[in-house]
Amino acid sequence: AYGSNASVIHYSPTEATSNTLGTDSLFLCDTGGQYENGTTDMTRTVCFGEPTAFQKRCFSLVLQGHVNVATAIVPQGVEPAKMDMLARLPLWSKGLDYDHGTSHGLGAALGVHEYPPLMFSSLPAPQLFKGRVSPTSMAADMVMSNEPGFYQPGKFGIRIESVMISRQCQDRLDYPEAYDAKQVWLDFETITVVPLQRKMIDPELLSPEATRWVDEYQAFCLETLRPLLADDPRALAWLEREAL
């Protein structure tokens, strides 16, 4: 969706409402597919011209929230709704928000939206089962999206969506001797390999940790995709322009 249409969450095009791509606004592309080894769901927001300072600020606040979720470490059993605010805090600090969930589970060749988990702070937390994980809680090896956004009505929309997997991470934590051996801890691995558009980022709005994560993610995309695009000069030029 381009321009004002991108401000409509999950816009569906029609002949009457379709916009022509240009250079004076943002293009939001939400795409994915179903394959034998799983389902994908990915959104990137780009500008074919020069983004305004406000668009860059909004994009960077969304990106900071995206990184907050991607780098979180949480105890297994935490309700996803409690993680939702990690993505929203950068936007909330500027009086901004978005009217959809931050994350949903993905089915393996089934529904692209499959629960659990579901990160949405407006949902009531269900009653936990004593002594074990609630069916709606975070657990290891869940495949889910990470998709904060911002939408200025009638103007533009921004969403950054990648797929990630929850993993047990006790062996990667500091001070493991201080933790309850029965408690499982989770971190998240981003498995979507599509670089972010550098010119949309205002580095002044990112924390040092987020800046480092973005640099490492872009390098990961470059290393992974460069061999696959070796025979496509245009695609390789795009990858190197965005990822470097």
C-alpha atoms as a PDB file:
ATOM      1  CA  ALA A   1       0.000   0.000   0.000  1.00  0.00           C
ATOM      2  CA  TYR A   2       1.289   3.458  -0.884  1.00  0.00           C
ATOM      3  CA  GLY A   3       0.738   6.858   0.700  1.00  0.00           C
ATOM      4  CA  SER A   4      -2.663   7.356   2.314  1.00  0.00           C
ATOM      5  CA  ASN A   5      -3.630   3.747   1.632  1.00  0.00           C
ATOM      6  CA  ALA A   6      -0.779   2.558   3.842  1.00  0.00           C
ATOM      7  CA  SER A   7      -2.398   4.372   6.758  1.00  0.00           C
ATOM      8  CA  VAL A   8      -5.239   1.825   6.535  1.00  0.00           C
ATOM      9  CA  ILE A   9      -4.092  -1.213   8.521  1.00  0.00           C
ATOM     10  CA  HIS A  10      -4.126  -4.251   6.208  1.00  0.00           C
ATOM     11  CA  TYR A  11      -5.483  -2.216   3.287  1.00  0.00           C
ATOM     12  CA  SER A  12      -7.000  -4.183   0.381  1.00  0.00           C
ATOM     13  CA  PRO A  13      -6.692  -2.453  -3.024  1.00  0.00           C
ATOM     14  CA  THR A  14      -9.579  -1.674  -5.326  1.00  0.00           C
ATOM     15  CA  GLU A  15      -9.694   0.091  -8.694  1.00  0.00           C
ATOM     16  CA  ALA A  16     -11.434   3.038  -7.066  1.00  0.00           C
ATOM     17  CA  THR A  17      -8.950   3.535  -4.211  1.00  0.00           C
ATOM     18  CA  SER A  18      -5.593   2.384  -5.605  1.00  0.00           C
ATOM     19  CA  ASN A  19      -2.729   4.882  -5.551  1.00  0.00           C
ATOM     20  CA  THR A  20       0.069   5.217  -8.078  1.00  0.00           C
ATOM     21  CA  LEU A  21       3.522   4.577  -6.666  1.00  0.00           C
ATOM     22  CA  GLY A  22       5.590   7.730  -6.383  1.00  0.00           C
ATOM     23  CA  THR A  23       8.454   9.348  -4.527  1.00  0.00           C
ATOM     24  CA  ASP A  24       6.595  11.644  -2.156  1.00  0.00           C
ATOM     25  CA  SER A  25       5.333   9.155   0.440  1.00  0.00           C
ATOM     26  CA  LEU A  26       5.987   5.704   1.917  1.00  0.00           C
ATOM     27  CA  PHE A  27       5.359   2.256   0.453  1.00  0.00           C
ATOM     28  CA  LEU A  28       4.316  -0.451   2.943  1.00  0.00           C
ATOM     29  CA  CYS A  29       4.682  -4.021   1.662  1.00  0.00           C
ATOM     30  CA  ASP A  30       3.178  -6.843   3.747  1.00  0.00           C
ATOM     31  CA  THR A  31       3.949 -10.174   2.119  1.00  0.00           C
ATOM     32  CA  GLY A  32       4.512 -13.854   2.813  1.00  0.00           C
ATOM     33  CA  GLY A  33       3.961 -17.344   1.539  1.00  0.00           C
ATOM     34  CA  GLN A  34       3.262 -20.908   2.553  1.00  0.00           C
ATOM     35  CA  TYR A  35       5.915 -23.541   1.932  1.00  0.00           C
ATOM     36  CA  GLU A  36       6.496 -27.186   2.806  1.00  0.00           C
ATOM     37  CA  ASN A  37       8.677 -26.167   5.749  1.00  0.00           C
ATOM     38  CA  GLY A  38       6.538 -23.338   7.101  1.00  0.00           C
ATOM     39  CA  THR A  39       4.678 -20.072   6.641  1.00  0.00           C
ATOM     40  CA  THR A  40       6.247 -16.613   6.301  1.00  0.00           C
ATOM     41  CA  ASP A  41       4.922 -13.147   7.131  1.00  0.00           C
ATOM     42  CA  MET A  42       7.004 -10.023   6.574  1.00  0.00           C
ATOM     43  CA  THR A  43       6.459  -6.275   6.259  1.00  0.00           C
ATOM     44  CA  ARG A  44       8.932  -3.575   5.243  1.00  0.00           C
ATOM     45  CA  THR A  45       8.301   0.139   4.776  1.00  0.00           C
ATOM     46  CA  VAL A  46      10.400   2.082   2.264  1.00  0.00           C
ATOM     47  CA  CYS A  47      10.570   5.469   0.578  1.00  0.00           C
ATOM     48  CA  PHE A  48      11.417   5.735  -3.116  1.00  0.00           C
ATOM     49  CA  GLY A  49      12.263   9.426  -2.675  1.00  0.00           C
ATOM     50  CA  GLU A  50      13.451  11.228   0.427  1.00  0.00           C
ATOM     51  CA  PRO A  51      11.482  10.662   3.645  1.00  0.00           C
ATOM     52  CA  THR A  52      10.487  13.643   5.729  1.00  0.00           C
ATOM     53  CA  ALA A  53      12.033  14.200   9.145  1.00  0.00           C
ATOM     54  CA  PHE A  54       8.711  13.231  10.750  1.00  0.00           C
ATOM     55  CA  GLN A  55       8.500   9.995   8.745  1.00  0.00           C
ATOM     56  CA  LYS A  56      12.055   9.098   9.787  1.00  0.00           C
ATOM     57  CA  ARG A  57      11.258   9.831  13.429  1.00  0.00           C
ATOM     58  CA  CYS A  58       8.177   7.643  13.333  1.00  0.00           C
ATOM     59  CA  PHE A  59      10.002   4.838  11.549  1.00  0.00           C
ATOM     60  CA  SER A  60      12.834   4.961  14.090  1.00  0.00           C
ATOM     61  CA  LEU A  61      10.456   4.840  17.047  1.00  0.00           C
ATOM     62  CA  VAL A  62       8.766   1.799  15.499  1.00  0.00           C
ATOM     63  CA  LEU A  63      12.178   0.255  14.878  1.00  0.00           C
ATOM     64  CA  GLN A  64      13.255   0.821  18.485  1.00  0.00           C
ATOM     65  CA  GLY A  65      10.118  -1.011  19.630  1.00  0.00           C
ATOM     66  CA  HIS A  66      10.799  -3.816  17.163  1.00  0.00           C
ATOM     67  CA  VAL A  67      14.310  -4.224  18.558  1.00  0.00           C
ATOM     68  CA  ASN A  68      13.005  -4.112  22.144  1.00  0.00           C
ATOM     69  CA  VAL A  69      10.931  -7.211  21.412  1.00  0.00           C
ATOM     70  CA  ALA A  70      13.604  -8.947  19.332  1.00  0.00           C
ATOM     71  CA  THR A  71      16.192  -8.614  22.113  1.00  0.00           C
ATOM     72  CA  ALA A  72      13.925  -9.341  25.086  1.00  0.00           C
ATOM     73  CA  ILE A  73      14.720 -12.055  27.633  1.00  0.00           C
ATOM     74  CA  VAL A  74      11.626 -13.279  29.488  1.00  0.00           C
ATOM     75  CA  PRO A  75      10.688 -16.147  31.789  1.00  0.00           C
ATOM     76  CA  GLN A  76       8.797 -18.980  30.156  1.00  0.00           C
ATOM     77  CA  GLY A  77       5.143 -18.643  31.083  1.00  0.00           C
ATOM     78  CA  VAL A  78       4.972 -14.855  30.809  1.00  0.00           C
ATOM     79  CA  GLU A  79       1.767 -13.673  29.173  1.00  0.00           C
ATOM     80  CA  PRO A  80       2.470 -12.184  25.708  1.00  0.00           C
ATOM     81  CA  ALA A  81       0.315  -9.144  26.535  1.00  0.00           C
ATOM     82  CA  LYS A  82       2.950  -8.140  29.083  1.00  0.00           C
ATOM     83  CA  MET A  83       5.560  -8.034  26.303  1.00  0.00           C
ATOM     84  CA  ASP A  84       3.381  -5.847  24.086  1.00  0.00           C
ATOM     85  CA  MET A  85       4.391  -2.654  25.854  1.00  0.00           C
ATOM     86  CA  LEU A  86       8.066  -3.280  25.020  1.00  0.00           C
ATOM     87  CA  ALA A  87       7.184  -2.431  21.420  1.00  0.00           C
ATOM     88  CA  ARG A  88       4.929   0.500  22.299  1.00  0.00           C
ATOM     89  CA  LEU A  89       7.023   2.370  24.861  1.00  0.00           C
ATOM     90  CA  PRO A  90       9.111   4.352  22.306  1.00  0.00           C
ATOM     91  CA  LEU A  91       5.920   5.483  20.555  1.00  0.00           C
ATOM     92  CA  TRP A  92       4.046   6.108  23.806  1.00  0.00           C
ATOM     93  CA  SER A  93       6.870   8.395  24.947  1.00  0.00           C
ATOM     94  CA  LYS A  94       5.919  10.699  22.029  1.00  0.00           C
ATOM     95  CA  GLY A  95       2.144  10.308  22.382  1.00  0.00           C
ATOM     96  CA  LEU A  96       1.879   7.867  19.461  1.00  0.00           C
ATOM     97  CA  ASP A  97       0.475   4.327  19.205  1.00  0.00           C
ATOM     98  CA  TYR A  98      -0.899   1.722  16.791  1.00  0.00           C
ATOM     99  CA  ASP A  99      -4.224  -0.079  16.763  1.00  0.00           C
ATOM    100  CA  HIS A 100      -3.234  -3.706  16.259  1.00  0.00           C
ATOM    101  CA  GLY A 101      -1.340  -6.435  18.057  1.00  0.00           C
ATOM    102  CA  THR A 102       2.435  -6.603  18.205  1.00  0.00           C
ATOM    103  CA  SER A 103       2.744 -10.329  17.555  1.00  0.00           C
ATOM    104  CA  HIS A 104       0.809 -13.403  16.475  1.00  0.00           C
ATOM    105  CA  GLY A 105       1.791 -17.023  16.094  1.00  0.00           C
ATOM    106  CA  LEU A 106       2.341 -18.508  12.630  1.00  0.00           C
ATOM    107  CA  GLY A 107       1.077 -21.894  11.567  1.00  0.00           C
ATOM    108  CA  ALA A 108       3.263 -24.396   9.703  1.00  0.00           C
ATOM    109  CA  ALA A 109       1.558 -24.415   6.270  1.00  0.00           C
ATOM    110  CA  LEU A 110      -1.680 -23.545   8.089  1.00  0.00           C
ATOM    111  CA  GLY A 111      -3.111 -20.134   9.028  1.00  0.00           C
ATOM    112  CA  VAL A 112      -0.670 -17.253   8.893  1.00  0.00           C
ATOM    113  CA  HIS A 113      -2.355 -16.003  12.090  1.00  0.00           C
ATOM    114  CA  GLU A 114      -2.366 -18.885  14.528  1.00  0.00           C
ATOM    115  CA  TYR A 115      -2.416 -18.553  18.297  1.00  0.00           C
ATOM    116  CA  PRO A 116      -0.750 -18.637  20.761  1.00  0.00           C
ATOM    117  CA  PRO A 117       1.009 -16.340  21.216  1.00  0.00           C
ATOM    118  CA  LEU A 118      -0.815 -13.042  20.784  1.00  0.00           C
ATOM    119  CA  MET A 119       0.826  -9.829  21.992  1.00  0.00           C
ATOM    120  CA  PHE A 120      -1.835  -7.165  22.456  1.00  0.00           C
ATOM    121  CA  SER A 121      -1.933  -5.065  25.603  1.00  0.00           C
ATOM    122  CA  SER A 122      -5.706  -4.554  25.433  1.00  0.00           C
ATOM    123  CA  LEU A 123      -6.329  -8.267  25.983  1.00  0.00           C
ATOM    124  CA  PRO A 124      -7.082  -9.416  29.541  1.00  0.00           C
ATOM    125  CA  ALA A 125      -4.470 -11.787  30.928  1.00  0.00           C
ATOM    126  CA  PRO A 126      -5.983 -15.262  31.359  1.00  0.00           C
ATOM    127  CA  GLN A 127      -5.795 -17.151  34.627  1.00  0.00           C
ATOM    128  CA  LEU A 128      -2.511 -19.035  34.889  1.00  0.00           C
ATOM    129  CA  PHE A 129      -2.491 -22.720  35.636  1.00  0.00           C
ATOM    130  CA  LYS A 130      -0.848 -23.351  38.996  1.00  0.00           C
ATOM    131  CA  GLY A 131       2.546 -24.943  38.592  1.00  0.00           C
ATOM    132  CA  ARG A 132       2.623 -25.042  34.796  1.00  0.00           C
ATOM    133  CA  VAL A 133       2.520 -22.833  31.737  1.00  0.00           C
ATOM    134  CA  SER A 134      -0.814 -21.427  30.579  1.00  0.00           C
ATOM    135  CA  PRO A 135      -1.808 -22.544  27.060  1.00  0.00           C
ATOM    136  CA  THR A 136      -1.615 -18.903  25.980  1.00  0.00           C
ATOM    137  CA  SER A 137       1.757 -18.143  27.563  1.00  0.00           C
ATOM    138  CA  MET A 138       5.193 -17.798  26.015  1.00  0.00           C
ATOM    139  CA  ALA A 139       7.077 -21.084  25.671  1.00  0.00           C
ATOM    140  CA  ALA A 140      10.171 -22.277  23.852  1.00  0.00           C
ATOM    141  CA  ASP A 141      10.100 -22.990  20.100  1.00  0.00           C
ATOM    142  CA  MET A 142       7.119 -20.781  19.284  1.00  0.00           C
ATOM    143  CA  VAL A 143       7.189 -19.130  15.838  1.00  0.00           C
ATOM    144  CA  MET A 144       5.704 -15.638  15.912  1.00  0.00           C
ATOM    145  CA  SER A 145       5.718 -12.225  14.287  1.00  0.00           C
ATOM    146  CA  ASN A 146       7.201  -8.991  15.644  1.00  0.00           C
ATOM    147  CA  GLU A 147       5.305  -6.130  14.006  1.00  0.00           C
ATOM    148  CA  PRO A 148       4.936  -2.731  15.675  1.00  0.00           C
ATOM    149  CA  GLY A 149       3.787   0.123  13.472  1.00  0.00           C
ATOM    150  CA  PHE A 150       2.476   3.671  13.222  1.00  0.00           C
ATOM    151  CA  TYR A 151      -0.265   5.053  10.965  1.00  0.00           C
ATOM    152  CA  GLN A 152      -0.968   8.730  10.299  1.00  0.00           C
ATOM    153  CA  PRO A 153      -4.545   8.829   8.987  1.00  0.00           C
ATOM    154  CA  GLY A 154      -4.766   9.928   5.376  1.00  0.00           C
ATOM    155  CA  LYS A 155      -0.995  10.355   5.087  1.00  0.00           C
ATOM    156  CA  PHE A 156       1.180   7.258   5.477  1.00  0.00           C
ATOM    157  CA  GLY A 157       1.673   4.008   7.356  1.00  0.00           C
ATOM    158  CA  ILE A 158       4.729   2.301   8.831  1.00  0.00           C
ATOM    159  CA  ARG A 159       5.118  -1.299   9.946  1.00  0.00           C
ATOM    160  CA  ILE A 160       8.240  -3.382  10.525  1.00  0.00           C
ATOM    161  CA  GLU A 161       7.406  -7.079  10.691  1.00  0.00           C
ATOM    162  CA  SER A 162       9.753 -10.026  10.972  1.00  0.00           C
ATOM    163  CA  VAL A 163       9.285 -13.611  12.092  1.00  0.00           C
ATOM    164  CA  MET A 164      11.136 -14.846  15.166  1.00  0.00           C
ATOM    165  CA  ILE A 165      11.446 -18.036  17.207  1.00  0.00           C
ATOM    166  CA  SER A 166      11.518 -18.259  21.003  1.00  0.00           C
ATOM    167  CA  ARG A 167      14.459 -20.244  22.404  1.00  0.00           C
ATOM    168  CA  GLN A 168      15.602 -21.437  25.796  1.00  0.00           C
ATOM    169  CA  CYS A 169      18.548 -19.278  26.808  1.00  0.00           C
ATOM    170  CA  GLN A 170      19.611 -20.260  30.345  1.00  0.00           C
ATOM    171  CA  ASP A 171      23.092 -21.174  29.085  1.00  0.00           C
ATOM    172  CA  ARG A 172      23.559 -17.678  27.634  1.00  0.00           C
ATOM    173  CA  LEU A 173      22.579 -15.690  30.746  1.00  0.00           C
ATOM    174  CA  ASP A 174      24.884 -13.971  33.201  1.00  0.00           C
ATOM    175  CA  TYR A 175      25.031 -15.294  36.765  1.00  0.00           C
ATOM    176  CA  PRO A 176      23.277 -18.641  36.090  1.00  0.00           C
ATOM    177  CA  GLU A 177      24.117 -19.757  39.615  1.00  0.00           C
ATOM    178  CA  ALA A 178      21.718 -17.129  40.975  1.00  0.00           C
ATOM    179  CA  TYR A 179      18.654 -18.453  39.145  1.00  0.00           C
ATOM    180  CA  ASP A 180      16.092 -21.030  40.100  1.00  0.00           C
ATOM    181  CA  ALA A 181      17.150 -24.154  38.205  1.00  0.00           C
ATOM    182  CA  LYS A 182      13.499 -24.950  37.508  1.00  0.00           C
ATOM    183  CA  GLN A 183      12.856 -21.611  35.752  1.00  0.00           C
ATOM    184  CA  VAL A 184      13.150 -21.646  31.963  1.00  0.00           C
ATOM    185  CA  TRP A 185      14.213 -18.361  30.315  1.00  0.00           C
ATOM    186  CA  LEU A 186      13.536 -17.395  26.719  1.00  0.00           C
ATOM    187  CA  ASP A 187      15.133 -15.134  24.143  1.00  0.00           C
ATOM    188  CA  PHE A 188      14.237 -14.668  20.481  1.00  0.00           C
ATOM    189  CA  GLU A 189      15.925 -15.338  17.152  1.00  0.00           C
ATOM    190  CA  THR A 190      14.812 -13.240  14.168  1.00  0.00           C
ATOM    191  CA  ILE A 191      14.672 -15.498  11.106  1.00  0.00           C
ATOM    192  CA  THR A 192      13.327 -13.081   8.471  1.00  0.00           C
ATOM    193  CA  VAL A 193      16.200 -12.070   6.178  1.00  0.00           C
ATOM    194  CA  VAL A 194      15.197  -8.770   4.540  1.00  0.00           C
ATOM    195  CA  PRO A 195      17.246  -5.630   5.262  1.00  0.00           C
ATOM    196  CA  LEU A 196      15.817  -2.399   6.608  1.00  0.00           C
ATOM    197  CA  GLN A 197      15.993   0.755   4.500  1.00  0.00           C
ATOM    198  CA  ARG A 198      18.853   2.763   5.972  1.00  0.00           C
ATOM    199  CA  LYS A 199      17.608   6.188   4.883  1.00  0.00           C
ATOM    200  CA  MET A 200      14.424   5.691   6.913  1.00  0.00           C
ATOM    201  CA  ILE A 201      16.408   5.481  10.167  1.00  0.00           C
ATOM    202  CA  ASP A 202      17.198   8.468  12.380  1.00  0.00           C
ATOM    203  CA  PRO A 203      20.130   7.093  14.420  1.00  0.00           C
ATOM    204  CA  GLU A 204      19.665   9.762  17.077  1.00  0.00           C
ATOM    205  CA  LEU A 205      16.425   8.068  18.149  1.00  0.00           C
ATOM    206  CA  LEU A 206      17.905   4.595  18.592  1.00  0.00           C
ATOM    207  CA  SER A 207      19.582   3.367  21.750  1.00  0.00           C
ATOM    208  CA  PRO A 208      23.192   2.170  21.412  1.00  0.00           C
ATOM    209  CA  GLU A 209      21.939  -1.390  21.881  1.00  0.00           C
ATOM    210  CA  ALA A 210      19.368  -0.961  19.103  1.00  0.00           C
ATOM    211  CA  THR A 211      21.964   0.578  16.783  1.00  0.00           C
ATOM    212  CA  ARG A 212      24.227  -2.408  17.355  1.00  0.00           C
ATOM    213  CA  TRP A 213      21.342  -4.828  16.731  1.00  0.00           C
ATOM    214  CA  VAL A 214      20.444  -3.085  13.457  1.00  0.00           C
ATOM    215  CA  ASP A 215      24.060  -3.162  12.251  1.00  0.00           C
ATOM    216  CA  GLU A 216      24.345  -6.860  13.091  1.00  0.00           C
ATOM    217  CA  TYR A 217      21.007  -7.638  11.440  1.00  0.00           C
ATOM    218  CA  GLN A 218      21.935  -5.794   8.251  1.00  0.00           C
ATOM    219  CA  ALA A 219      25.267  -7.652   8.126  1.00  0.00           C
ATOM    220  CA  PHE A 220      23.403 -10.949   8.632  1.00  0.00           C
ATOM    221  CA  CYS A 221      21.100 -10.126   5.704  1.00  0.00           C
ATOM    222  CA  LEU A 222      24.054  -9.198   3.493  1.00  0.00           C
ATOM    223  CA  GLU A 223      26.005 -12.344   4.332  1.00  0.00           C
ATOM    224  CA  THR A 224      23.000 -14.616   3.854  1.00  0.00           C
ATOM    225  CA  LEU A 225      21.561 -13.109   0.675  1.00  0.00           C
ATOM    226  CA  ARG A 226      24.646 -12.005  -1.250  1.00  0.00           C
ATOM    227  CA  PRO A 227      25.492 -15.521  -2.576  1.00  0.00           C
ATOM    228  CA  LEU A 228      21.863 -16.039  -3.619  1.00  0.00           C
ATOM    229  CA  LEU A 229      21.791 -12.801  -5.626  1.00  0.00           C
ATOM    230  CA  ALA A 230      25.198 -13.137  -7.280  1.00  0.00           C
ATOM    231  CA  ASP A 231      23.616 -13.606 -10.725  1.00  0.00           C
ATOM    232  CA  ASP A 232      21.175 -10.698 -10.375  1.00  0.00           C
ATOM    233  CA  PRO A 233      23.116  -7.393 -10.532  1.00  0.00           C
ATOM    234  CA  ARG A 234      20.096  -5.177  -9.827  1.00  0.00           C
ATOM    235  CA  ALA A 235      19.013  -7.163  -6.775  1.00  0.00           C
ATOM    236  CA  LEU A 236      22.596  -7.374  -5.510  1.00  0.00           C
ATOM    237  CA  ALA A 237      23.009  -3.602  -5.878  1.00  0.00           C
ATOM    238  CA  TRP A 238      19.804  -3.067  -3.897  1.00  0.00           C
ATOM    239  CA  LEU A 239      20.968  -5.438  -1.148  1.00  0.00           C
ATOM    240  CA  GLU A 240      24.359  -3.763  -0.793  1.00  0.00           C
ATOM    241  CA  ARG A 241      22.820  -0.283  -0.824  1.00  0.00           C
ATOM    242  CA  GLU A 242      20.364  -1.097   1.958  1.00  0.00           C
ATOM    243  CA  ALA A 243      22.422  -3.480   4.082  1.00  0.00           C
ATOM    244  CA  LEU A 244      25.773  -1.701   4.201  1.00  0.00           C
END
